[in-house]
N, C-alpha and C. Protein backbone atom coordinates (compact mmCIF):
# COMPACT_ATOMS: atom_id res chain seq x y z
N MET A 1 -2.02 9.70 41.22
CA MET A 1 -2.15 9.04 39.94
C MET A 1 -1.00 9.47 39.03
N ALA A 2 -0.36 8.48 38.40
CA ALA A 2 0.78 8.77 37.53
C ALA A 2 0.28 9.40 36.23
N GLU A 3 1.02 10.37 35.77
CA GLU A 3 0.66 11.07 34.54
C GLU A 3 1.29 10.36 33.35
N LYS A 4 0.49 10.10 32.34
CA LYS A 4 1.01 9.46 31.13
C LYS A 4 1.68 10.51 30.27
N LYS A 5 2.79 10.11 29.71
CA LYS A 5 3.51 10.99 28.82
C LYS A 5 3.19 10.59 27.38
N VAL A 6 2.64 11.49 26.63
CA VAL A 6 2.27 11.23 25.24
C VAL A 6 3.19 12.05 24.35
N THR A 7 3.87 11.35 23.46
CA THR A 7 4.72 12.07 22.51
C THR A 7 3.96 12.22 21.21
N LYS A 8 3.88 13.42 20.75
CA LYS A 8 3.15 13.70 19.51
C LYS A 8 4.13 13.71 18.34
N LEU A 9 3.72 13.04 17.29
CA LEU A 9 4.55 13.01 16.07
C LEU A 9 4.41 14.29 15.29
N GLU A 10 5.46 14.67 14.67
CA GLU A 10 5.40 15.78 13.72
C GLU A 10 4.61 15.31 12.50
N ASP A 11 3.88 16.21 11.89
CA ASP A 11 3.10 15.84 10.70
C ASP A 11 3.98 15.44 9.53
N ASN A 12 5.19 15.99 9.50
CA ASN A 12 6.05 15.70 8.36
C ASN A 12 7.02 14.55 8.63
N GLU A 13 6.90 13.89 9.77
CA GLU A 13 7.80 12.78 10.08
C GLU A 13 7.42 11.56 9.24
N LEU A 14 8.41 10.99 8.56
CA LEU A 14 8.16 9.85 7.69
C LEU A 14 8.32 8.55 8.46
N ARG A 15 7.49 7.59 8.11
CA ARG A 15 7.56 6.27 8.72
C ARG A 15 7.73 5.24 7.61
N ASP A 16 8.26 4.07 8.00
CA ASP A 16 8.44 2.97 7.05
C ASP A 16 7.16 2.13 6.99
N TYR A 17 6.74 1.81 5.78
CA TYR A 17 5.56 0.99 5.55
C TYR A 17 5.86 -0.09 4.53
N GLU A 18 5.13 -1.20 4.64
CA GLU A 18 5.08 -2.21 3.59
C GLU A 18 3.65 -2.26 3.10
N LEU A 19 3.50 -2.28 1.79
CA LEU A 19 2.18 -2.36 1.17
C LEU A 19 2.14 -3.60 0.30
N ILE A 20 1.17 -4.47 0.58
CA ILE A 20 0.96 -5.65 -0.25
C ILE A 20 -0.33 -5.43 -1.02
N LEU A 21 -0.25 -5.55 -2.32
CA LEU A 21 -1.41 -5.38 -3.19
C LEU A 21 -1.73 -6.69 -3.89
N ILE A 22 -3.01 -6.98 -4.01
CA ILE A 22 -3.46 -8.07 -4.88
C ILE A 22 -4.29 -7.39 -5.96
N ILE A 23 -3.76 -7.42 -7.17
CA ILE A 23 -4.39 -6.75 -8.30
C ILE A 23 -5.10 -7.79 -9.16
N SER A 24 -6.24 -7.41 -9.67
CA SER A 24 -7.08 -8.30 -10.47
C SER A 24 -6.29 -8.95 -11.60
N PRO A 25 -6.52 -10.26 -11.84
CA PRO A 25 -5.80 -10.93 -12.93
C PRO A 25 -6.30 -10.49 -14.31
N GLU A 26 -7.46 -9.85 -14.38
CA GLU A 26 -7.99 -9.39 -15.66
C GLU A 26 -7.36 -8.09 -16.13
N VAL A 27 -6.60 -7.44 -15.26
CA VAL A 27 -5.97 -6.17 -15.59
C VAL A 27 -4.82 -6.44 -16.57
N GLY A 28 -4.77 -5.66 -17.64
CA GLY A 28 -3.70 -5.80 -18.64
C GLY A 28 -2.38 -5.26 -18.09
N ASP A 29 -1.31 -5.51 -18.83
CA ASP A 29 0.03 -5.09 -18.40
C ASP A 29 0.12 -3.57 -18.22
N GLU A 30 -0.48 -2.83 -19.13
CA GLU A 30 -0.41 -1.37 -19.04
C GLU A 30 -1.16 -0.85 -17.82
N ALA A 31 -2.35 -1.40 -17.56
CA ALA A 31 -3.14 -0.97 -16.40
C ALA A 31 -2.48 -1.42 -15.10
N PHE A 32 -1.82 -2.58 -15.14
CA PHE A 32 -1.08 -3.08 -13.97
C PHE A 32 0.04 -2.11 -13.61
N GLU A 33 0.83 -1.73 -14.61
CA GLU A 33 1.92 -0.79 -14.39
C GLU A 33 1.39 0.58 -13.97
N ALA A 34 0.26 0.99 -14.55
CA ALA A 34 -0.34 2.28 -14.19
C ALA A 34 -0.77 2.29 -12.73
N THR A 35 -1.30 1.18 -12.24
CA THR A 35 -1.70 1.08 -10.83
C THR A 35 -0.48 1.22 -9.93
N LEU A 36 0.60 0.54 -10.27
CA LEU A 36 1.83 0.65 -9.47
C LEU A 36 2.42 2.05 -9.55
N ASP A 37 2.37 2.65 -10.73
CA ASP A 37 2.86 4.03 -10.89
C ASP A 37 2.04 5.01 -10.05
N ASN A 38 0.72 4.79 -10.00
CA ASN A 38 -0.13 5.67 -9.19
C ASN A 38 0.22 5.60 -7.71
N VAL A 39 0.52 4.40 -7.22
CA VAL A 39 0.92 4.24 -5.82
C VAL A 39 2.24 4.96 -5.58
N SER A 40 3.20 4.75 -6.47
CA SER A 40 4.51 5.40 -6.33
C SER A 40 4.39 6.91 -6.43
N LYS A 41 3.59 7.37 -7.38
CA LYS A 41 3.40 8.81 -7.58
C LYS A 41 2.74 9.43 -6.35
N PHE A 42 1.74 8.75 -5.78
CA PHE A 42 1.08 9.27 -4.59
C PHE A 42 2.07 9.42 -3.43
N ALA A 43 2.91 8.39 -3.23
CA ALA A 43 3.88 8.42 -2.13
C ALA A 43 4.88 9.56 -2.31
N THR A 44 5.40 9.73 -3.51
CA THR A 44 6.42 10.76 -3.72
C THR A 44 5.82 12.16 -3.70
N GLU A 45 4.61 12.33 -4.24
CA GLU A 45 3.99 13.65 -4.24
C GLU A 45 3.58 14.10 -2.84
N SER A 46 3.36 13.15 -1.94
CA SER A 46 2.98 13.52 -0.58
C SER A 46 4.21 13.64 0.33
N GLY A 47 5.40 13.71 -0.28
CA GLY A 47 6.62 13.93 0.49
C GLY A 47 7.32 12.66 0.93
N GLY A 48 6.86 11.52 0.48
CA GLY A 48 7.47 10.25 0.86
C GLY A 48 8.37 9.71 -0.23
N ALA A 49 8.68 8.42 -0.13
CA ALA A 49 9.55 7.79 -1.11
C ALA A 49 9.23 6.30 -1.20
N VAL A 50 9.46 5.73 -2.37
CA VAL A 50 9.32 4.29 -2.58
C VAL A 50 10.72 3.71 -2.63
N SER A 51 11.00 2.76 -1.74
CA SER A 51 12.35 2.21 -1.71
C SER A 51 12.48 0.89 -2.46
N ASN A 52 11.38 0.13 -2.60
CA ASN A 52 11.48 -1.17 -3.25
C ASN A 52 10.10 -1.60 -3.75
N VAL A 53 10.06 -2.21 -4.93
CA VAL A 53 8.84 -2.80 -5.47
C VAL A 53 9.18 -4.20 -5.94
N GLU A 54 8.52 -5.21 -5.36
CA GLU A 54 8.73 -6.60 -5.76
C GLU A 54 7.45 -7.13 -6.38
N ARG A 55 7.55 -7.54 -7.62
CA ARG A 55 6.40 -8.15 -8.29
C ARG A 55 6.48 -9.66 -8.08
N TRP A 56 5.51 -10.20 -7.36
CA TRP A 56 5.51 -11.63 -7.06
C TRP A 56 4.80 -12.43 -8.15
N GLY A 57 4.07 -11.77 -9.03
CA GLY A 57 3.39 -12.45 -10.12
C GLY A 57 2.03 -12.98 -9.71
N LYS A 58 1.44 -13.77 -10.61
CA LYS A 58 0.12 -14.34 -10.36
C LYS A 58 0.25 -15.51 -9.40
N ARG A 59 -0.63 -15.50 -8.40
CA ARG A 59 -0.67 -16.59 -7.43
C ARG A 59 -2.12 -16.95 -7.15
N LYS A 60 -2.30 -18.18 -6.75
CA LYS A 60 -3.63 -18.65 -6.42
C LYS A 60 -4.04 -18.06 -5.07
N LEU A 61 -5.31 -17.65 -4.97
CA LEU A 61 -5.84 -17.10 -3.73
C LEU A 61 -6.35 -18.23 -2.84
N ALA A 62 -6.34 -18.02 -1.53
CA ALA A 62 -6.83 -19.02 -0.59
C ALA A 62 -8.35 -19.17 -0.68
N TYR A 63 -9.02 -18.09 -1.06
CA TYR A 63 -10.47 -18.11 -1.22
C TYR A 63 -10.82 -17.07 -2.29
N PRO A 64 -12.00 -17.20 -2.89
CA PRO A 64 -12.36 -16.26 -3.97
C PRO A 64 -12.51 -14.82 -3.48
N LEU A 65 -11.95 -13.90 -4.25
CA LEU A 65 -12.12 -12.46 -4.00
C LEU A 65 -12.77 -11.88 -5.24
N LYS A 66 -13.97 -11.34 -5.08
CA LYS A 66 -14.71 -10.76 -6.21
C LYS A 66 -14.77 -11.74 -7.38
N HIS A 67 -15.00 -13.00 -7.08
CA HIS A 67 -15.14 -14.10 -8.05
C HIS A 67 -13.84 -14.47 -8.76
N PHE A 68 -12.70 -14.03 -8.25
CA PHE A 68 -11.40 -14.41 -8.83
C PHE A 68 -10.74 -15.46 -7.94
N MET A 69 -10.05 -16.40 -8.56
CA MET A 69 -9.34 -17.43 -7.81
C MET A 69 -7.82 -17.21 -7.82
N GLU A 70 -7.36 -16.18 -8.54
CA GLU A 70 -5.95 -15.82 -8.52
C GLU A 70 -5.82 -14.31 -8.65
N GLY A 71 -4.63 -13.82 -8.29
CA GLY A 71 -4.38 -12.39 -8.37
C GLY A 71 -2.90 -12.10 -8.54
N ASN A 72 -2.60 -10.89 -9.00
CA ASN A 72 -1.21 -10.45 -9.15
C ASN A 72 -0.76 -9.80 -7.85
N TYR A 73 0.24 -10.38 -7.23
CA TYR A 73 0.74 -9.88 -5.94
C TYR A 73 1.92 -8.93 -6.15
N VAL A 74 1.93 -7.85 -5.35
CA VAL A 74 3.03 -6.89 -5.40
C VAL A 74 3.33 -6.45 -3.97
N LEU A 75 4.62 -6.46 -3.60
CA LEU A 75 5.07 -5.95 -2.31
C LEU A 75 5.84 -4.67 -2.55
N THR A 76 5.43 -3.60 -1.87
CA THR A 76 6.07 -2.29 -2.03
C THR A 76 6.51 -1.79 -0.67
N GLN A 77 7.74 -1.28 -0.58
CA GLN A 77 8.23 -0.68 0.66
C GLN A 77 8.27 0.82 0.47
N LEU A 78 7.64 1.55 1.41
CA LEU A 78 7.46 2.98 1.28
C LEU A 78 7.91 3.71 2.54
N LYS A 79 8.18 5.00 2.36
CA LYS A 79 8.37 5.93 3.48
C LYS A 79 7.38 7.05 3.24
N MET A 80 6.51 7.30 4.23
CA MET A 80 5.55 8.39 4.11
C MET A 80 5.00 8.76 5.48
N SER A 81 4.29 9.87 5.51
CA SER A 81 3.70 10.34 6.76
C SER A 81 2.46 9.51 7.10
N PRO A 82 2.08 9.44 8.37
CA PRO A 82 0.89 8.68 8.75
C PRO A 82 -0.38 9.18 8.04
N GLU A 83 -0.51 10.48 7.86
CA GLU A 83 -1.68 11.02 7.18
C GLU A 83 -1.72 10.56 5.72
N SER A 84 -0.57 10.49 5.07
CA SER A 84 -0.51 10.01 3.69
C SER A 84 -0.91 8.55 3.61
N GLY A 85 -0.55 7.78 4.62
CA GLY A 85 -0.93 6.37 4.67
C GLY A 85 -2.43 6.19 4.68
N LYS A 86 -3.12 7.03 5.45
CA LYS A 86 -4.58 6.96 5.51
C LYS A 86 -5.20 7.32 4.15
N GLN A 87 -4.65 8.33 3.51
CA GLN A 87 -5.16 8.74 2.20
C GLN A 87 -4.91 7.66 1.15
N LEU A 88 -3.73 7.03 1.21
CA LEU A 88 -3.41 5.96 0.26
C LEU A 88 -4.38 4.80 0.42
N GLU A 89 -4.66 4.40 1.66
CA GLU A 89 -5.60 3.31 1.89
C GLU A 89 -7.00 3.66 1.36
N ALA A 90 -7.42 4.90 1.56
CA ALA A 90 -8.72 5.32 1.05
C ALA A 90 -8.77 5.22 -0.47
N ASN A 91 -7.68 5.62 -1.14
CA ASN A 91 -7.62 5.52 -2.60
C ASN A 91 -7.63 4.08 -3.07
N LEU A 92 -6.93 3.19 -2.34
CA LEU A 92 -6.88 1.78 -2.74
C LEU A 92 -8.23 1.09 -2.55
N LYS A 93 -8.98 1.51 -1.53
CA LYS A 93 -10.29 0.91 -1.28
C LYS A 93 -11.26 1.15 -2.44
N ILE A 94 -11.15 2.29 -3.09
CA ILE A 94 -12.09 2.61 -4.16
C ILE A 94 -11.59 2.18 -5.54
N SER A 95 -10.36 1.70 -5.61
CA SER A 95 -9.81 1.25 -6.89
C SER A 95 -10.45 -0.07 -7.31
N GLU A 96 -10.91 -0.13 -8.55
CA GLU A 96 -11.53 -1.36 -9.06
C GLU A 96 -10.50 -2.42 -9.41
N ASP A 97 -9.26 -2.01 -9.69
CA ASP A 97 -8.23 -2.96 -10.07
C ASP A 97 -7.62 -3.70 -8.88
N VAL A 98 -7.69 -3.11 -7.69
CA VAL A 98 -7.09 -3.69 -6.50
C VAL A 98 -8.13 -4.55 -5.79
N LEU A 99 -7.86 -5.88 -5.72
CA LEU A 99 -8.78 -6.78 -5.02
C LEU A 99 -8.64 -6.65 -3.51
N ARG A 100 -7.40 -6.60 -3.02
CA ARG A 100 -7.12 -6.45 -1.59
C ARG A 100 -5.81 -5.69 -1.44
N HIS A 101 -5.65 -5.06 -0.28
CA HIS A 101 -4.39 -4.40 0.06
C HIS A 101 -4.18 -4.51 1.56
N LEU A 102 -2.93 -4.43 1.95
CA LEU A 102 -2.57 -4.43 3.37
C LEU A 102 -1.39 -3.49 3.54
N LEU A 103 -1.61 -2.45 4.34
CA LEU A 103 -0.56 -1.46 4.61
C LEU A 103 -0.11 -1.68 6.05
N ILE A 104 1.17 -1.98 6.23
CA ILE A 104 1.72 -2.30 7.55
C ILE A 104 2.81 -1.30 7.90
N ARG A 105 2.72 -0.71 9.09
CA ARG A 105 3.77 0.18 9.57
C ARG A 105 4.89 -0.68 10.17
N LEU A 106 6.13 -0.44 9.73
CA LEU A 106 7.25 -1.28 10.14
C LEU A 106 7.98 -0.77 11.38
N ASP A 107 7.98 0.53 11.63
CA ASP A 107 8.82 1.06 12.70
C ASP A 107 8.09 1.19 14.03
N VAL A 108 7.30 0.19 14.39
CA VAL A 108 6.61 0.22 15.67
C VAL A 108 7.60 -0.15 16.77
N ALA A 109 7.62 0.69 17.79
CA ALA A 109 8.57 0.46 18.89
C ALA A 109 7.99 -0.43 19.94
């Protein structure tokens, strides 16, 4: 039987991620910026970096999310460790301002 070779990642190895956020349309400008700052602050404090933030603005949703028909879309490109990615997703799940999020790892071989 052939032996599988498993390569283990270092805990401090950074990976590239894209994060798409849909933020509630009822959130004011200050709270909107605070939400984005919290994501950036989390990434940098955990040893990562934010390389790009694109605000796509308000867009109509394909279906209602928490009774909203539109949301503020934001695309963020990050570098962080896999463990930080899990923690970020956990934080976004409990955030009341974030309707949906999608964190995608870009450097899959």
